[in-house]
C-alpha atoms as a PDB file:
ATOM      1  CA  MET A   1    -141.798  18.144  -4.959  1.00  0.00           C
ATOM      2  CA  ASP A   2    -143.049  21.604  -5.727  1.00  0.00           C
ATOM      3  CA  SER A   3    -144.951  20.134  -8.818  1.00  0.00           C
ATOM      4  CA  ILE A   4    -147.184  18.370  -6.544  1.00  0.00           C
ATOM      5  CA  PRO A   5    -150.685  20.047  -6.550  1.00  0.00           C
ATOM      6  CA  VAL A   6    -152.330  20.370  -2.841  1.00  0.00           C
ATOM      7  CA  ILE A   7    -155.912  19.952  -1.846  1.00  0.00           C
ATOM      8  CA  ASP A   8    -156.395  21.476   1.644  1.00  0.00           C
ATOM      9  CA  THR A   9    -159.179  19.207   3.209  1.00  0.00           C
ATOM     10  CA  HIS A  10    -159.638  21.268   6.368  1.00  0.00           C
ATOM     11  CA  GLN A  11    -160.308  25.048   5.216  1.00  0.00           C
ATOM     12  CA  HIS A  12    -161.986  27.265   8.005  1.00  0.00           C
ATOM     13  CA  LEU A  13    -163.293  30.387   7.292  1.00  0.00           C
ATOM     14  CA  TRP A  14    -165.586  32.740   9.496  1.00  0.00           C
ATOM     15  CA  ASP A  15    -167.068  36.166   9.244  1.00  0.00           C
ATOM     16  CA  LEU A  16    -167.859  37.619  12.782  1.00  0.00           C
ATOM     17  CA  ASP A  17    -170.473  39.959  11.273  1.00  0.00           C
ATOM     18  CA  LEU A  18    -172.547  37.029  10.310  1.00  0.00           C
ATOM     19  CA  PHE A  19    -171.824  34.305  12.819  1.00  0.00           C
ATOM     20  CA  GLN A  20    -171.246  33.623  16.529  1.00  0.00           C
ATOM     21  CA  LEU A  21    -168.426  31.199  17.503  1.00  0.00           C
ATOM     22  CA  PRO A  22    -168.866  30.668  21.308  1.00  0.00           C
ATOM     23  CA  TRP A  23    -165.527  28.645  21.455  1.00  0.00           C
ATOM     24  CA  LEU A  24    -163.610  31.828  20.694  1.00  0.00           C
ATOM     25  CA  ASP A  25    -164.363  33.018  24.252  1.00  0.00           C
ATOM     26  CA  LEU A  26    -162.240  30.252  25.645  1.00  0.00           C
ATOM     27  CA  PRO A  27    -158.760  31.195  27.094  1.00  0.00           C
ATOM     28  CA  GLY A  28    -155.981  31.522  24.543  1.00  0.00           C
ATOM     29  CA  MET A  29    -158.038  32.432  21.537  1.00  0.00           C
ATOM     30  CA  ASP A  30    -157.010  36.009  21.154  1.00  0.00           C
ATOM     31  CA  VAL A  31    -155.431  35.738  17.721  1.00  0.00           C
ATOM     32  CA  LEU A  32    -158.565  34.031  16.257  1.00  0.00           C
ATOM     33  CA  ARG A  33    -160.923  36.631  17.474  1.00  0.00           C
ATOM     34  CA  ASN A  34    -161.248  38.238  13.953  1.00  0.00           C
ATOM     35  CA  SER A  35    -162.982  37.390  10.823  1.00  0.00           C
ATOM     36  CA  PHE A  36    -161.089  35.266   8.334  1.00  0.00           C
ATOM     37  CA  ARG A  37    -162.549  35.236   4.898  1.00  0.00           C
ATOM     38  CA  MET A  38    -161.668  33.872   1.469  1.00  0.00           C
ATOM     39  CA  ALA A  39    -159.410  36.798   0.499  1.00  0.00           C
ATOM     40  CA  ASP A  40    -157.391  36.266   3.623  1.00  0.00           C
ATOM     41  CA  TYR A  41    -157.096  32.530   3.042  1.00  0.00           C
ATOM     42  CA  ARG A  42    -155.772  33.108  -0.401  1.00  0.00           C
ATOM     43  CA  GLU A  43    -153.217  35.677   0.942  1.00  0.00           C
ATOM     44  CA  ALA A  44    -152.215  32.997   3.495  1.00  0.00           C
ATOM     45  CA  THR A  45    -151.564  30.293   0.973  1.00  0.00           C
ATOM     46  CA  ARG A  46    -150.287  32.353  -1.739  1.00  0.00           C
ATOM     47  CA  ASN A  47    -146.728  30.591  -1.628  1.00  0.00           C
ATOM     48  CA  CYS A  48    -148.439  27.054  -1.545  1.00  0.00           C
ATOM     49  CA  PRO A  49    -149.796  25.056  -4.630  1.00  0.00           C
ATOM     50  CA  ILE A  50    -153.275  24.900  -3.251  1.00  0.00           C
ATOM     51  CA  THR A  51    -155.577  23.719  -6.342  1.00  0.00           C
ATOM     52  CA  LYS A  52    -158.728  23.027  -4.224  1.00  0.00           C
ATOM     53  CA  SER A  53    -159.929  23.019  -0.712  1.00  0.00           C
ATOM     54  CA  VAL A  54    -162.705  21.777   1.361  1.00  0.00           C
ATOM     55  CA  TYR A  55    -164.436  23.671   3.953  1.00  0.00           C
ATOM     56  CA  MET A  56    -164.663  22.322   7.487  1.00  0.00           C
ATOM     57  CA  GLU A  57    -167.470  23.725   9.808  1.00  0.00           C
ATOM     58  CA  VAL A  58    -166.159  26.017  12.439  1.00  0.00           C
ATOM     59  CA  ASN A  59    -168.541  25.073  15.376  1.00  0.00           C
ATOM     60  CA  VAL A  60    -170.693  28.054  15.253  1.00  0.00           C
ATOM     61  CA  HIS A  61    -173.770  28.504  17.641  1.00  0.00           C
ATOM     62  CA  PRO A  62    -176.116  25.677  16.805  1.00  0.00           C
ATOM     63  CA  GLY A  63    -178.889  28.099  15.603  1.00  0.00           C
ATOM     64  CA  LEU A  64    -176.449  29.211  12.802  1.00  0.00           C
ATOM     65  CA  GLN A  65    -175.549  25.998  11.388  1.00  0.00           C
ATOM     66  CA  ARG A  66    -178.089  26.034   8.452  1.00  0.00           C
ATOM     67  CA  GLN A  67    -176.878  29.842   7.486  1.00  0.00           C
ATOM     68  CA  GLU A  68    -173.123  28.683   7.861  1.00  0.00           C
ATOM     69  CA  ALA A  69    -173.882  25.892   5.434  1.00  0.00           C
ATOM     70  CA  GLN A  70    -175.640  28.069   2.820  1.00  0.00           C
ATOM     71  CA  TYR A  71    -172.939  30.713   3.231  1.00  0.00           C
ATOM     72  CA  VAL A  72    -170.064  28.282   2.136  1.00  0.00           C
ATOM     73  CA  LEU A  73    -172.092  26.199  -0.441  1.00  0.00           C
ATOM     74  CA  ALA A  74    -172.485  29.646  -2.297  1.00  0.00           C
ATOM     75  CA  LEU A  75    -168.730  29.998  -2.199  1.00  0.00           C
ATOM     76  CA  CYS A  76    -168.501  26.473  -3.602  1.00  0.00           C
ATOM     77  CA  GLU A  77    -170.972  27.358  -6.376  1.00  0.00           C
ATOM     78  CA  ALA A  78    -169.144  30.721  -7.132  1.00  0.00           C
ATOM     79  CA  GLY A  79    -166.220  28.968  -8.925  1.00  0.00           C
ATOM     80  CA  ASP A  80    -163.921  31.920  -8.455  1.00  0.00           C
ATOM     81  CA  ASN A  81    -162.127  30.451  -5.434  1.00  0.00           C
ATOM     82  CA  PRO A  82    -160.624  26.918  -4.462  1.00  0.00           C
ATOM     83  CA  MET A  83    -163.336  25.743  -2.318  1.00  0.00           C
ATOM     84  CA  SER A  84    -164.728  22.683  -4.027  1.00  0.00           C
ATOM     85  CA  GLY A  85    -166.794  20.913  -1.084  1.00  0.00           C
ATOM     86  CA  ALA A  86    -167.812  21.429   2.365  1.00  0.00           C
ATOM     87  CA  VAL A  87    -168.128  19.254   5.566  1.00  0.00           C
ATOM     88  CA  ILE A  88    -171.061  21.243   7.048  1.00  0.00           C
ATOM     89  CA  GLY A  89    -171.967  21.486  10.982  1.00  0.00           C
ATOM     90  CA  GLY A  90    -174.707  19.470  12.355  1.00  0.00           C
ATOM     91  CA  CYS A  91    -175.853  17.802  15.709  1.00  0.00           C
ATOM     92  CA  PRO A  92    -176.339  14.103  15.114  1.00  0.00           C
ATOM     93  CA  GLY A  93    -177.546  13.688  18.687  1.00  0.00           C
ATOM     94  CA  GLU A  94    -180.768  15.450  18.071  1.00  0.00           C
ATOM     95  CA  SER A  95    -183.907  13.917  16.524  1.00  0.00           C
ATOM     96  CA  SER A  96    -184.132  16.868  14.330  1.00  0.00           C
ATOM     97  CA  PHE A  97    -181.120  16.020  12.356  1.00  0.00           C
ATOM     98  CA  ALA A  98    -182.513  13.938   9.685  1.00  0.00           C
ATOM     99  CA  GLY A  99    -184.793  16.865   8.793  1.00  0.00           C
ATOM    100  CA  TYR A 100    -181.997  19.298   8.827  1.00  0.00           C
ATOM    101  CA  LEU A 101    -180.013  17.250   6.343  1.00  0.00           C
ATOM    102  CA  GLU A 102    -182.937  17.066   3.869  1.00  0.00           C
ATOM    103  CA  GLU A 103    -182.022  20.648   2.678  1.00  0.00           C
ATOM    104  CA  PHE A 104    -178.503  19.645   1.850  1.00  0.00           C
ATOM    105  CA  ALA A 105    -178.106  15.976   1.154  1.00  0.00           C
ATOM    106  CA  GLY A 106    -178.672  16.420  -2.446  1.00  0.00           C
ATOM    107  CA  ASN A 107    -176.188  19.189  -2.928  1.00  0.00           C
ATOM    108  CA  PRO A 108    -172.836  18.012  -4.635  1.00  0.00           C
ATOM    109  CA  PHE A 109    -170.660  20.336  -2.792  1.00  0.00           C
ATOM    110  CA  VAL A 110    -171.761  18.771   0.501  1.00  0.00           C
ATOM    111  CA  LYS A 111    -169.292  15.907   1.313  1.00  0.00           C
ATOM    112  CA  GLY A 112    -169.948  15.163   4.941  1.00  0.00           C
ATOM    113  CA  VAL A 113    -170.818  16.429   8.549  1.00  0.00           C
ATOM    114  CA  ARG A 114    -168.958  17.096  11.663  1.00  0.00           C
ATOM    115  CA  THR A 115    -169.829  18.011  15.244  1.00  0.00           C
ATOM    116  CA  ILE A 116    -166.996  18.750  17.731  1.00  0.00           C
ATOM    117  CA  LEU A 117    -166.532  16.004  20.299  1.00  0.00           C
ATOM    118  CA  HIS A 118    -163.949  17.469  22.650  1.00  0.00           C
ATOM    119  CA  ASP A 119    -165.465  20.749  23.796  1.00  0.00           C
ATOM    120  CA  PRO A 120    -165.797  21.195  27.635  1.00  0.00           C
ATOM    121  CA  ASP A 121    -169.706  20.626  27.482  1.00  0.00           C
ATOM    122  CA  ARG A 122    -169.449  17.552  25.339  1.00  0.00           C
ATOM    123  CA  PRO A 123    -169.231  14.516  27.608  1.00  0.00           C
ATOM    124  CA  ARG A 124    -167.468  11.261  26.891  1.00  0.00           C
ATOM    125  CA  GLY A 125    -169.635   8.829  25.057  1.00  0.00           C
ATOM    126  CA  MET A 126    -171.810  11.644  23.367  1.00  0.00           C
ATOM    127  CA  CYS A 127    -171.244   9.787  20.046  1.00  0.00           C
ATOM    128  CA  LEU A 128    -172.476   6.486  21.438  1.00  0.00           C
ATOM    129  CA  THR A 129    -176.255   7.314  22.109  1.00  0.00           C
ATOM    130  CA  PRO A 130    -178.810   5.420  19.992  1.00  0.00           C
ATOM    131  CA  GLN A 131    -179.818   8.730  18.372  1.00  0.00           C
ATOM    132  CA  PHE A 132    -176.267   9.575  17.200  1.00  0.00           C
ATOM    133  CA  LYS A 133    -175.795   6.039  15.893  1.00  0.00           C
ATOM    134  CA  GLU A 134    -178.933   6.211  13.906  1.00  0.00           C
ATOM    135  CA  ASN A 135    -178.114   9.537  12.321  1.00  0.00           C
ATOM    136  CA  ILE A 136    -174.423   8.636  11.402  1.00  0.00           C
ATOM    137  CA  ARG A 137    -175.842   5.576   9.658  1.00  0.00           C
ATOM    138  CA  LEU A 138    -178.056   7.900   7.804  1.00  0.00           C
ATOM    139  CA  LEU A 139    -174.867   9.880   6.642  1.00  0.00           C
ATOM    140  CA  GLY A 140    -173.802   6.651   5.092  1.00  0.00           C
ATOM    141  CA  GLU A 141    -176.969   5.988   3.323  1.00  0.00           C
ATOM    142  CA  LEU A 142    -176.777   9.383   1.867  1.00  0.00           C
ATOM    143  CA  GLY A 143    -173.234   8.941   0.748  1.00  0.00           C
ATOM    144  CA  LEU A 144    -171.648  11.492   3.181  1.00  0.00           C
ATOM    145  CA  SER A 145    -168.812  11.170   5.667  1.00  0.00           C
ATOM    146  CA  PHE A 146    -168.408  11.927   9.358  1.00  0.00           C
ATOM    147  CA  ASP A 147    -165.467  13.759  10.857  1.00  0.00           C
ATOM    148  CA  LEU A 148    -164.351  12.649  14.384  1.00  0.00           C
ATOM    149  CA  CYS A 149    -162.758  15.411  16.355  1.00  0.00           C
ATOM    150  CA  MET A 150    -162.316  14.107  19.722  1.00  0.00           C
ATOM    151  CA  ARG A 151    -159.929  13.963  22.755  1.00  0.00           C
ATOM    152  CA  PRO A 152    -157.057  11.611  22.084  1.00  0.00           C
ATOM    153  CA  ALA A 153    -157.752   9.018  25.096  1.00  0.00           C
ATOM    154  CA  GLU A 154    -161.438   8.601  23.643  1.00  0.00           C
ATOM    155  CA  ILE A 155    -160.576   7.649  20.318  1.00  0.00           C
ATOM    156  CA  GLN A 156    -161.014   3.986  20.956  1.00  0.00           C
ATOM    157  CA  ASP A 157    -164.540   4.577  22.129  1.00  0.00           C
ATOM    158  CA  ALA A 158    -165.612   5.567  18.739  1.00  0.00           C
ATOM    159  CA  VAL A 159    -164.733   2.078  17.554  1.00  0.00           C
ATOM    160  CA  GLU A 160    -168.240   1.230  18.656  1.00  0.00           C
ATOM    161  CA  LEU A 161    -169.762   3.869  16.411  1.00  0.00           C
ATOM    162  CA  VAL A 162    -167.776   2.848  13.466  1.00  0.00           C
ATOM    163  CA  ASP A 163    -168.517  -0.670  13.807  1.00  0.00           C
ATOM    164  CA  VAL A 164    -172.392  -0.042  13.804  1.00  0.00           C
ATOM    165  CA  CYS A 165    -172.109   2.304  10.775  1.00  0.00           C
ATOM    166  CA  PRO A 166    -170.270   0.198   8.184  1.00  0.00           C
ATOM    167  CA  GLU A 167    -171.614   2.177   5.238  1.00  0.00           C
ATOM    168  CA  THR A 168    -170.565   5.477   6.565  1.00  0.00           C
ATOM    169  CA  ARG A 169    -166.814   6.757   6.008  1.00  0.00           C
ATOM    170  CA  PHE A 170    -165.032   8.390   8.910  1.00  0.00           C
ATOM    171  CA  ILE A 171    -162.172  10.726   9.145  1.00  0.00           C
ATOM    172  CA  ILE A 172    -160.080  11.235  12.232  1.00  0.00           C
ATOM    173  CA  ASP A 173    -159.434  14.974  12.434  1.00  0.00           C
ATOM    174  CA  HIS A 174    -156.015  16.361  13.424  1.00  0.00           C
ATOM    175  CA  CYS A 175    -153.988  13.195  13.894  1.00  0.00           C
ATOM    176  CA  GLY A 176    -156.283  12.247  16.687  1.00  0.00           C
ATOM    177  CA  ASN A 177    -155.470  15.565  18.677  1.00  0.00           C
ATOM    178  CA  MET A 178    -152.357  13.964  20.330  1.00  0.00           C
ATOM    179  CA  SER A 179    -150.336  16.935  21.804  1.00  0.00           C
ATOM    180  CA  VAL A 180    -146.689  17.135  20.867  1.00  0.00           C
ATOM    181  CA  GLN A 181    -145.670  18.697  24.239  1.00  0.00           C
ATOM    182  CA  PRO A 182    -143.489  16.316  26.233  1.00  0.00           C
ATOM    183  CA  ASP A 183    -145.457  17.210  29.514  1.00  0.00           C
ATOM    184  CA  GLN A 184    -148.829  16.239  27.989  1.00  0.00           C
ATOM    185  CA  GLN A 185    -148.161  12.475  27.029  1.00  0.00           C
ATOM    186  CA  GLN A 186    -150.406  10.820  29.864  1.00  0.00           C
ATOM    187  CA  ASP A 187    -152.793   9.922  27.021  1.00  0.00           C
ATOM    188  CA  ARG A 188    -150.323   8.499  24.363  1.00  0.00           C
ATOM    189  CA  ALA A 189    -150.916   4.892  25.076  1.00  0.00           C
ATOM    190  CA  ALA A 190    -154.799   5.329  24.821  1.00  0.00           C
ATOM    191  CA  TRP A 191    -154.234   7.413  21.701  1.00  0.00           C
ATOM    192  CA  GLU A 192    -151.968   4.890  19.979  1.00  0.00           C
ATOM    193  CA  THR A 193    -154.446   1.966  20.887  1.00  0.00           C
ATOM    194  CA  GLY A 194    -157.360   3.893  19.600  1.00  0.00           C
ATOM    195  CA  MET A 195    -155.625   4.976  16.270  1.00  0.00           C
ATOM    196  CA  GLN A 196    -154.534   1.262  15.747  1.00  0.00           C
ATOM    197  CA  GLN A 197    -158.120  -0.062  16.344  1.00  0.00           C
ATOM    198  CA  MET A 198    -159.510   2.455  13.905  1.00  0.00           C
ATOM    199  CA  ALA A 199    -156.876   1.844  11.162  1.00  0.00           C
ATOM    200  CA  GLN A 200    -158.193  -1.779  11.278  1.00  0.00           C
ATOM    201  CA  ARG A 201    -161.519  -0.460   9.892  1.00  0.00           C
ATOM    202  CA  GLU A 202    -160.937   0.038   6.027  1.00  0.00           C
ATOM    203  CA  HIS A 203    -163.722   3.053   6.236  1.00  0.00           C
ATOM    204  CA  VAL A 204    -161.782   5.110   8.536  1.00  0.00           C
ATOM    205  CA  PHE A 205    -159.213   7.551   7.373  1.00  0.00           C
ATOM    206  CA  CYS A 206    -156.851   9.954   9.057  1.00  0.00           C
ATOM    207  CA  LYS A 207    -156.378  13.654   8.369  1.00  0.00           C
ATOM    208  CA  ILE A 208    -152.872  14.931   8.885  1.00  0.00           C
ATOM    209  CA  SER A 209    -153.805  18.249  10.110  1.00  0.00           C
ATOM    210  CA  GLY A 210    -154.216  20.295  13.185  1.00  0.00           C
ATOM    211  CA  ILE A 211    -151.082  18.843  15.170  1.00  0.00           C
ATOM    212  CA  ILE A 212    -149.150  22.304  14.528  1.00  0.00           C
ATOM    213  CA  ALA A 213    -151.644  23.930  17.101  1.00  0.00           C
ATOM    214  CA  THR A 214    -150.201  21.955  19.939  1.00  0.00           C
ATOM    215  CA  ALA A 215    -146.468  23.021  19.375  1.00  0.00           C
ATOM    216  CA  THR A 216    -145.042  25.876  21.264  1.00  0.00           C
ATOM    217  CA  ARG A 217    -145.481  29.203  19.476  1.00  0.00           C
ATOM    218  CA  GLY A 218    -142.208  30.813  18.365  1.00  0.00           C
ATOM    219  CA  ALA A 219    -140.151  27.764  19.484  1.00  0.00           C
ATOM    220  CA  TRP A 220    -141.267  24.777  17.473  1.00  0.00           C
ATOM    221  CA  GLN A 221    -139.270  22.801  15.025  1.00  0.00           C
ATOM    222  CA  PRO A 222    -140.705  20.446  12.198  1.00  0.00           C
ATOM    223  CA  ALA A 223    -139.055  17.633  14.115  1.00  0.00           C
ATOM    224  CA  ASP A 224    -141.359  18.372  17.159  1.00  0.00           C
ATOM    225  CA  LEU A 225    -144.216  17.054  15.083  1.00  0.00           C
ATOM    226  CA  LYS A 226    -142.556  13.963  13.142  1.00  0.00           C
ATOM    227  CA  GLN A 227    -143.302  11.346  15.984  1.00  0.00           C
ATOM    228  CA  ASN A 228    -146.874  11.736  15.847  1.00  0.00           C
ATOM    229  CA  ILE A 229    -147.178  12.228  12.191  1.00  0.00           C
ATOM    230  CA  ASP A 230    -145.136   9.297  11.347  1.00  0.00           C
ATOM    231  CA  PHE A 231    -147.090   7.270  13.707  1.00  0.00           C
ATOM    232  CA  CYS A 232    -150.284   8.157  11.969  1.00  0.00           C
ATOM    233  CA  LEU A 233    -148.789   7.628   8.424  1.00  0.00           C
ATOM    234  CA  ASP A 234    -147.514   4.274   9.162  1.00  0.00           C
ATOM    235  CA  THR A 235    -150.732   3.102  11.184  1.00  0.00           C
ATOM    236  CA  PHE A 236    -153.065   4.148   8.376  1.00  0.00           C
ATOM    237  CA  GLY A 237    -150.869   3.661   5.280  1.00  0.00           C
ATOM    238  CA  GLU A 238    -150.541   5.626   2.236  1.00  0.00           C
ATOM    239  CA  ASP A 239    -153.950   5.325   0.779  1.00  0.00           C
ATOM    240  CA  ARG A 240    -155.921   6.327   3.987  1.00  0.00           C
ATOM    241  CA  VAL A 241    -154.454   9.787   4.813  1.00  0.00           C
ATOM    242  CA  PHE A 242    -154.594  13.259   3.488  1.00  0.00           C
ATOM    243  CA  PHE A 243    -153.495  16.756   4.396  1.00  0.00           C
ATOM    244  CA  GLY A 244    -155.561  19.550   6.003  1.00  0.00           C
ATOM    245  CA  GLY A 245    -154.359  22.910   6.748  1.00  0.00           C
ATOM    246  CA  ASP A 246    -156.711  23.903   9.519  1.00  0.00           C
ATOM    247  CA  TRP A 247    -156.194  27.536   8.897  1.00  0.00           C
ATOM    248  CA  PRO A 248    -156.652  29.873  10.661  1.00  0.00           C
ATOM    249  CA  VAL A 249    -156.342  27.786  13.794  1.00  0.00           C
ATOM    250  CA  CYS A 250    -153.083  26.957  12.844  1.00  0.00           C
ATOM    251  CA  THR A 251    -152.065  30.489  13.444  1.00  0.00           C
ATOM    252  CA  LEU A 252    -152.169  29.841  17.280  1.00  0.00           C
ATOM    253  CA  THR A 253    -148.570  28.602  16.599  1.00  0.00           C
ATOM    254  CA  ALA A 254    -147.557  29.060  12.813  1.00  0.00           C
ATOM    255  CA  ASP A 255    -148.696  30.447   9.633  1.00  0.00           C
ATOM    256  CA  PHE A 256    -150.095  28.149   6.862  1.00  0.00           C
ATOM    257  CA  GLU A 257    -146.785  28.061   4.819  1.00  0.00           C
ATOM    258  CA  SER A 258    -144.841  27.127   7.782  1.00  0.00           C
ATOM    259  CA  TRP A 259    -146.986  24.242   8.616  1.00  0.00           C
ATOM    260  CA  TYR A 260    -147.249  22.984   5.146  1.00  0.00           C
ATOM    261  CA  GLN A 261    -143.391  23.209   4.890  1.00  0.00           C
ATOM    262  CA  ALA A 262    -142.841  21.384   7.952  1.00  0.00           C
ATOM    263  CA  LEU A 263    -145.096  18.414   6.748  1.00  0.00           C
ATOM    264  CA  ARG A 264    -143.160  18.561   3.447  1.00  0.00           C
ATOM    265  CA  TRP A 265    -139.988  18.080   5.557  1.00  0.00           C
ATOM    266  CA  ILE A 266    -141.374  15.148   7.593  1.00  0.00           C
ATOM    267  CA  VAL A 267    -142.331  13.283   4.480  1.00  0.00           C
ATOM    268  CA  GLN A 268    -139.367  14.185   2.273  1.00  0.00           C
ATOM    269  CA  ASP A 269    -137.844  10.492   2.155  1.00  0.00           C
ATOM    270  CA  ARG A 270    -141.218   8.864   1.704  1.00  0.00           C
ATOM    271  CA  GLY A 271    -141.034   9.186  -2.024  1.00  0.00           C
ATOM    272  CA  GLU A 272    -143.099  11.238  -4.802  1.00  0.00           C
ATOM    273  CA  ALA A 273    -145.926   8.556  -4.955  1.00  0.00           C
ATOM    274  CA  PHE A 274    -146.465   8.857  -1.343  1.00  0.00           C
ATOM    275  CA  GLN A 275    -146.508  12.521  -1.132  1.00  0.00           C
ATOM    276  CA  ARG A 276    -148.895  12.702  -4.044  1.00  0.00           C
ATOM    277  CA  LYS A 277    -151.365  10.714  -2.310  1.00  0.00           C
ATOM    278  CA  LEU A 278    -151.093  12.553   1.035  1.00  0.00           C
ATOM    279  CA  PHE A 279    -151.316  15.910  -0.517  1.00  0.00           C
ATOM    280  CA  HIS A 280    -153.706  15.583  -3.393  1.00  0.00           C
ATOM    281  CA  ASP A 281    -154.786  12.090  -4.664  1.00  0.00           C
ATOM    282  CA  ASN A 282    -156.467  10.543  -1.707  1.00  0.00           C
ATOM    283  CA  ALA A 283    -158.559  13.803  -1.046  1.00  0.00           C
ATOM    284  CA  ALA A 284    -159.512  13.998  -4.638  1.00  0.00           C
ATOM    285  CA  ALA A 285    -160.664  10.394  -4.618  1.00  0.00           C
ATOM    286  CA  PHE A 286    -162.303  10.676  -1.216  1.00  0.00           C
ATOM    287  CA  TYR A 287    -164.174  13.763  -1.867  1.00  0.00           C
ATOM    288  CA  GLN A 288    -164.735  13.182  -5.555  1.00  0.00           C
ATOM    289  CA  LEU A 289    -162.905  16.389  -6.691  1.00  0.00           C
ATOM    290  CA  ASN A 290    -162.151  16.617 -10.350  1.00  0.00           C
ATOM    291  CA  SER A 291    -158.661  18.252 -10.089  1.00  0.00           C
END
């Protein structure tokens, strides 16, 4: 299946000379406390058939979200790199969100918005305030999507948000952030229920990404990831899943190529048509990428 082109729907970049990422101060982030620029990404993916990528916001200091968006949109416009779209950062819980969006909503490279919901300072239910719901409905009116990156036990909470925003498309990042560690399974039942409820909503998609970061560095096998990934693929079906590299966050446990090859191994028996949808076709359609 080496002939299958790949769209990476979760490409991070950050330049610490330009941006502050407060979460890098959390424990265990040592390997990420460097700048990761486009040249580094291209080197990391040199052995993978990446044809296009979609930038994913990196949770910069809120005061720098506008500058972050401008930075990556310039990369999209340059045309000398694979970045072909961007999911920009934003604060839908704030009344200023609509005004913030005005600058970017007409840009064809802006595909959606994300705000992290699982940080320690983000309380459960943050996405269910009236202001948050109003602003996520606005995204749908503008043809933009919203990425849900949240705690695994809280995914079913977002069903309420999804149901009041029927015109907005949602993506559950990182297979719903369910850990593969055997001693971290206390939230599995809630995660499975939440993912099943979300899959019943046709405007919700699942990104097969990020899960590698929960594996054990230097001691993981592709089989460690298979249960969670198979559950997501079977639950959402072949038309509502797509691949995301989550580089450089994936390097907490593995390089990009190892993660990509692990997923290739996991889906090897699903057939070429399924794999083409997962690695390329679904993303091309969802993000309207001509590839």
